[in-house]
Amino acid sequence: MSMSPSPDTLAAFGKAKGFMPADEGLALYAAAAEAARLGLPLLEVGSYCGRSTLLLADAARAAGVTALTVDHHRGSEEQQPGWEYHDPELVDPGAGRMDTLPVFRRTLHAAGLEPYV
């Protein structure tokens, strides 16, 4: 199994909304690829908009396992209105609250990695 994500996944990672730097993402992928060799699902706690999930999904695909994610998709404290990392594009107009789930799903779909999460 490769210890590097596919070029398509790297391109999607570069375009995805999120905070993870590329060097940390590559380290995450390498750790996920190693862990996936056990044949068990990978688990991500806190997926935001799916930037890091892309890398876990690519490692899962390569190993024939699944990546599981856990997130309430309402953002953390610093992402709420009035805080430094608030992104008004992520506010659900109907609920008036942060909702990163639609962006998360679009991120995975656009990269073709939905089946692995």
C-alpha atoms as a PDB file:
ATOM      1  CA  MET A   1       0.000   0.000   0.000  1.00  0.00           C
ATOM      2  CA  SER A   2       1.270   3.464  -0.877  1.00  0.00           C
ATOM      3  CA  MET A   3       2.222   5.761   1.966  1.00  0.00           C
ATOM      4  CA  SER A   4       1.122   8.766  -0.104  1.00  0.00           C
ATOM      5  CA  PRO A   5      -2.387   9.851  -1.064  1.00  0.00           C
ATOM      6  CA  SER A   6      -3.433   9.713  -4.696  1.00  0.00           C
ATOM      7  CA  PRO A   7      -2.771  12.840  -6.771  1.00  0.00           C
ATOM      8  CA  ASP A   8      -6.536  13.379  -7.109  1.00  0.00           C
ATOM      9  CA  THR A   9      -6.979  13.221  -3.336  1.00  0.00           C
ATOM     10  CA  LEU A  10      -4.109  15.653  -2.810  1.00  0.00           C
ATOM     11  CA  ALA A  11      -5.716  18.051  -5.281  1.00  0.00           C
ATOM     12  CA  ALA A  12      -9.073  17.768  -3.492  1.00  0.00           C
ATOM     13  CA  PHE A  13      -7.332  18.281  -0.128  1.00  0.00           C
ATOM     14  CA  GLY A  14      -5.760  21.472  -1.469  1.00  0.00           C
ATOM     15  CA  LYS A  15      -9.170  22.849  -2.463  1.00  0.00           C
ATOM     16  CA  ALA A  16     -11.120  21.707   0.600  1.00  0.00           C
ATOM     17  CA  LYS A  17     -12.208  24.057   3.354  1.00  0.00           C
ATOM     18  CA  GLY A  18     -10.314  23.402   6.555  1.00  0.00           C
ATOM     19  CA  PHE A  19      -7.349  24.179   8.728  1.00  0.00           C
ATOM     20  CA  MET A  20      -5.001  21.196   8.400  1.00  0.00           C
ATOM     21  CA  PRO A  21      -1.651  22.100   6.806  1.00  0.00           C
ATOM     22  CA  ALA A  22      -0.383  19.853   4.014  1.00  0.00           C
ATOM     23  CA  ASP A  23       2.550  18.457   6.012  1.00  0.00           C
ATOM     24  CA  GLU A  24       0.226  17.390   8.837  1.00  0.00           C
ATOM     25  CA  GLY A  25      -2.142  15.913   6.264  1.00  0.00           C
ATOM     26  CA  LEU A  26       0.629  13.783   4.784  1.00  0.00           C
ATOM     27  CA  ALA A  27       1.585  12.589   8.269  1.00  0.00           C
ATOM     28  CA  LEU A  28      -2.076  11.772   8.956  1.00  0.00           C
ATOM     29  CA  TYR A  29      -2.298   9.781   5.730  1.00  0.00           C
ATOM     30  CA  ALA A  30       0.853   7.801   6.563  1.00  0.00           C
ATOM     31  CA  ALA A  31      -0.465   6.994  10.052  1.00  0.00           C
ATOM     32  CA  ALA A  32      -3.884   6.049   8.659  1.00  0.00           C
ATOM     33  CA  ALA A  33      -2.344   3.826   5.979  1.00  0.00           C
ATOM     34  CA  GLU A  34      -0.309   2.030   8.639  1.00  0.00           C
ATOM     35  CA  ALA A  35      -3.310   1.641  10.971  1.00  0.00           C
ATOM     36  CA  ALA A  36      -5.547   0.436   8.129  1.00  0.00           C
ATOM     37  CA  ARG A  37      -3.213  -2.533   7.615  1.00  0.00           C
ATOM     38  CA  LEU A  38      -4.933  -4.077  10.647  1.00  0.00           C
ATOM     39  CA  GLY A  39      -8.065  -4.420   8.510  1.00  0.00           C
ATOM     40  CA  LEU A  40     -10.202  -2.393  10.905  1.00  0.00           C
ATOM     41  CA  PRO A  41     -12.123   0.836  10.228  1.00  0.00           C
ATOM     42  CA  LEU A  42     -10.386   4.170  10.702  1.00  0.00           C
ATOM     43  CA  LEU A  43     -12.051   6.682  13.049  1.00  0.00           C
ATOM     44  CA  GLU A  44     -11.953  10.461  12.854  1.00  0.00           C
ATOM     45  CA  VAL A  45     -13.393  12.536  15.685  1.00  0.00           C
ATOM     46  CA  GLY A  46     -14.103  16.045  14.426  1.00  0.00           C
ATOM     47  CA  SER A  47     -14.298  16.237  10.642  1.00  0.00           C
ATOM     48  CA  TYR A  48     -15.428  19.872  10.076  1.00  0.00           C
ATOM     49  CA  CYS A  49     -15.791  20.179   6.277  1.00  0.00           C
ATOM     50  CA  GLY A  50     -13.942  17.006   5.324  1.00  0.00           C
ATOM     51  CA  ARG A  51     -10.433  18.212   4.508  1.00  0.00           C
ATOM     52  CA  SER A  52      -8.680  15.620   6.687  1.00  0.00           C
ATOM     53  CA  THR A  53     -11.416  13.073   5.981  1.00  0.00           C
ATOM     54  CA  LEU A  54     -10.323  13.013   2.341  1.00  0.00           C
ATOM     55  CA  LEU A  55      -6.962  11.633   3.397  1.00  0.00           C
ATOM     56  CA  LEU A  56      -8.456   9.067   5.756  1.00  0.00           C
ATOM     57  CA  ALA A  57     -10.902   7.967   3.060  1.00  0.00           C
ATOM     58  CA  ASP A  58      -8.092   7.549   0.543  1.00  0.00           C
ATOM     59  CA  ALA A  59      -6.100   5.433   3.023  1.00  0.00           C
ATOM     60  CA  ALA A  60      -9.238   3.413   3.781  1.00  0.00           C
ATOM     61  CA  ARG A  61      -9.887   2.843   0.077  1.00  0.00           C
ATOM     62  CA  ALA A  62      -6.330   1.623  -0.471  1.00  0.00           C
ATOM     63  CA  ALA A  63      -6.622  -0.827   2.442  1.00  0.00           C
ATOM     64  CA  GLY A  64     -10.148  -2.031   1.687  1.00  0.00           C
ATOM     65  CA  VAL A  65     -11.574  -0.685   4.945  1.00  0.00           C
ATOM     66  CA  THR A  66     -13.958   2.127   5.879  1.00  0.00           C
ATOM     67  CA  ALA A  67     -13.323   5.485   7.538  1.00  0.00           C
ATOM     68  CA  LEU A  68     -15.865   6.508  10.167  1.00  0.00           C
ATOM     69  CA  THR A  69     -16.331  10.114  11.240  1.00  0.00           C
ATOM     70  CA  VAL A  70     -17.980  11.643  14.291  1.00  0.00           C
ATOM     71  CA  ASP A  71     -18.934  15.324  14.300  1.00  0.00           C
ATOM     72  CA  HIS A  72     -21.983  17.320  15.380  1.00  0.00           C
ATOM     73  CA  HIS A  73     -21.281  19.670  12.426  1.00  0.00           C
ATOM     74  CA  ARG A  74     -22.198  22.778  14.442  1.00  0.00           C
ATOM     75  CA  GLY A  75     -18.629  24.063  14.660  1.00  0.00           C
ATOM     76  CA  SER A  76     -16.496  24.720  17.690  1.00  0.00           C
ATOM     77  CA  GLU A  77     -16.679  27.796  19.884  1.00  0.00           C
ATOM     78  CA  GLU A  78     -14.235  29.865  17.826  1.00  0.00           C
ATOM     79  CA  GLN A  79     -16.310  29.232  14.683  1.00  0.00           C
ATOM     80  CA  GLN A  80     -19.460  30.798  16.072  1.00  0.00           C
ATOM     81  CA  PRO A  81     -20.630  34.323  15.100  1.00  0.00           C
ATOM     82  CA  GLY A  82     -18.379  37.014  16.502  1.00  0.00           C
ATOM     83  CA  TRP A  83     -15.348  34.751  16.788  1.00  0.00           C
ATOM     84  CA  GLU A  84     -12.158  34.751  14.722  1.00  0.00           C
ATOM     85  CA  TYR A  85     -12.834  31.641  12.633  1.00  0.00           C
ATOM     86  CA  HIS A  86     -16.525  32.206  11.956  1.00  0.00           C
ATOM     87  CA  ASP A  87     -17.414  31.492   8.326  1.00  0.00           C
ATOM     88  CA  PRO A  88     -20.843  32.894   7.425  1.00  0.00           C
ATOM     89  CA  GLU A  89     -20.996  30.554   4.404  1.00  0.00           C
ATOM     90  CA  LEU A  90     -21.405  27.666   6.847  1.00  0.00           C
ATOM     91  CA  VAL A  91     -24.517  29.024   8.564  1.00  0.00           C
ATOM     92  CA  ASP A  92     -27.729  27.172   7.734  1.00  0.00           C
ATOM     93  CA  PRO A  93     -30.161  29.973   6.838  1.00  0.00           C
ATOM     94  CA  GLY A  94     -33.149  27.959   8.022  1.00  0.00           C
ATOM     95  CA  ALA A  95     -31.730  27.057  11.419  1.00  0.00           C
ATOM     96  CA  GLY A  96     -29.551  30.143  11.825  1.00  0.00           C
ATOM     97  CA  ARG A  97     -26.749  27.915  13.138  1.00  0.00           C
ATOM     98  CA  MET A  98     -23.467  26.555  11.854  1.00  0.00           C
ATOM     99  CA  ASP A  99     -23.900  23.417   9.760  1.00  0.00           C
ATOM    100  CA  THR A 100     -20.798  21.964   8.137  1.00  0.00           C
ATOM    101  CA  LEU A 101     -22.460  18.693   7.090  1.00  0.00           C
ATOM    102  CA  PRO A 102     -23.537  19.833   3.591  1.00  0.00           C
ATOM    103  CA  VAL A 103     -20.012  21.055   2.789  1.00  0.00           C
ATOM    104  CA  PHE A 104     -18.552  17.866   4.286  1.00  0.00           C
ATOM    105  CA  ARG A 105     -20.748  15.747   2.013  1.00  0.00           C
ATOM    106  CA  ARG A 106     -19.979  17.830  -1.080  1.00  0.00           C
ATOM    107  CA  THR A 107     -16.247  17.606  -0.352  1.00  0.00           C
ATOM    108  CA  LEU A 108     -16.344  13.806  -0.233  1.00  0.00           C
ATOM    109  CA  HIS A 109     -18.666  13.526  -3.225  1.00  0.00           C
ATOM    110  CA  ALA A 110     -16.536  15.780  -5.430  1.00  0.00           C
ATOM    111  CA  ALA A 111     -13.470  13.663  -4.630  1.00  0.00           C
ATOM    112  CA  GLY A 112     -15.298  10.387  -5.309  1.00  0.00           C
ATOM    113  CA  LEU A 113     -14.578   9.176  -1.776  1.00  0.00           C
ATOM    114  CA  GLU A 114     -18.105   8.933  -0.322  1.00  0.00           C
ATOM    115  CA  PRO A 115     -18.203   5.121  -0.548  1.00  0.00           C
ATOM    116  CA  TYR A 116     -15.254   4.859   1.833  1.00  0.00           C
ATOM    117  CA  VAL A 117     -16.740   6.989   4.641  1.00  0.00           C
END
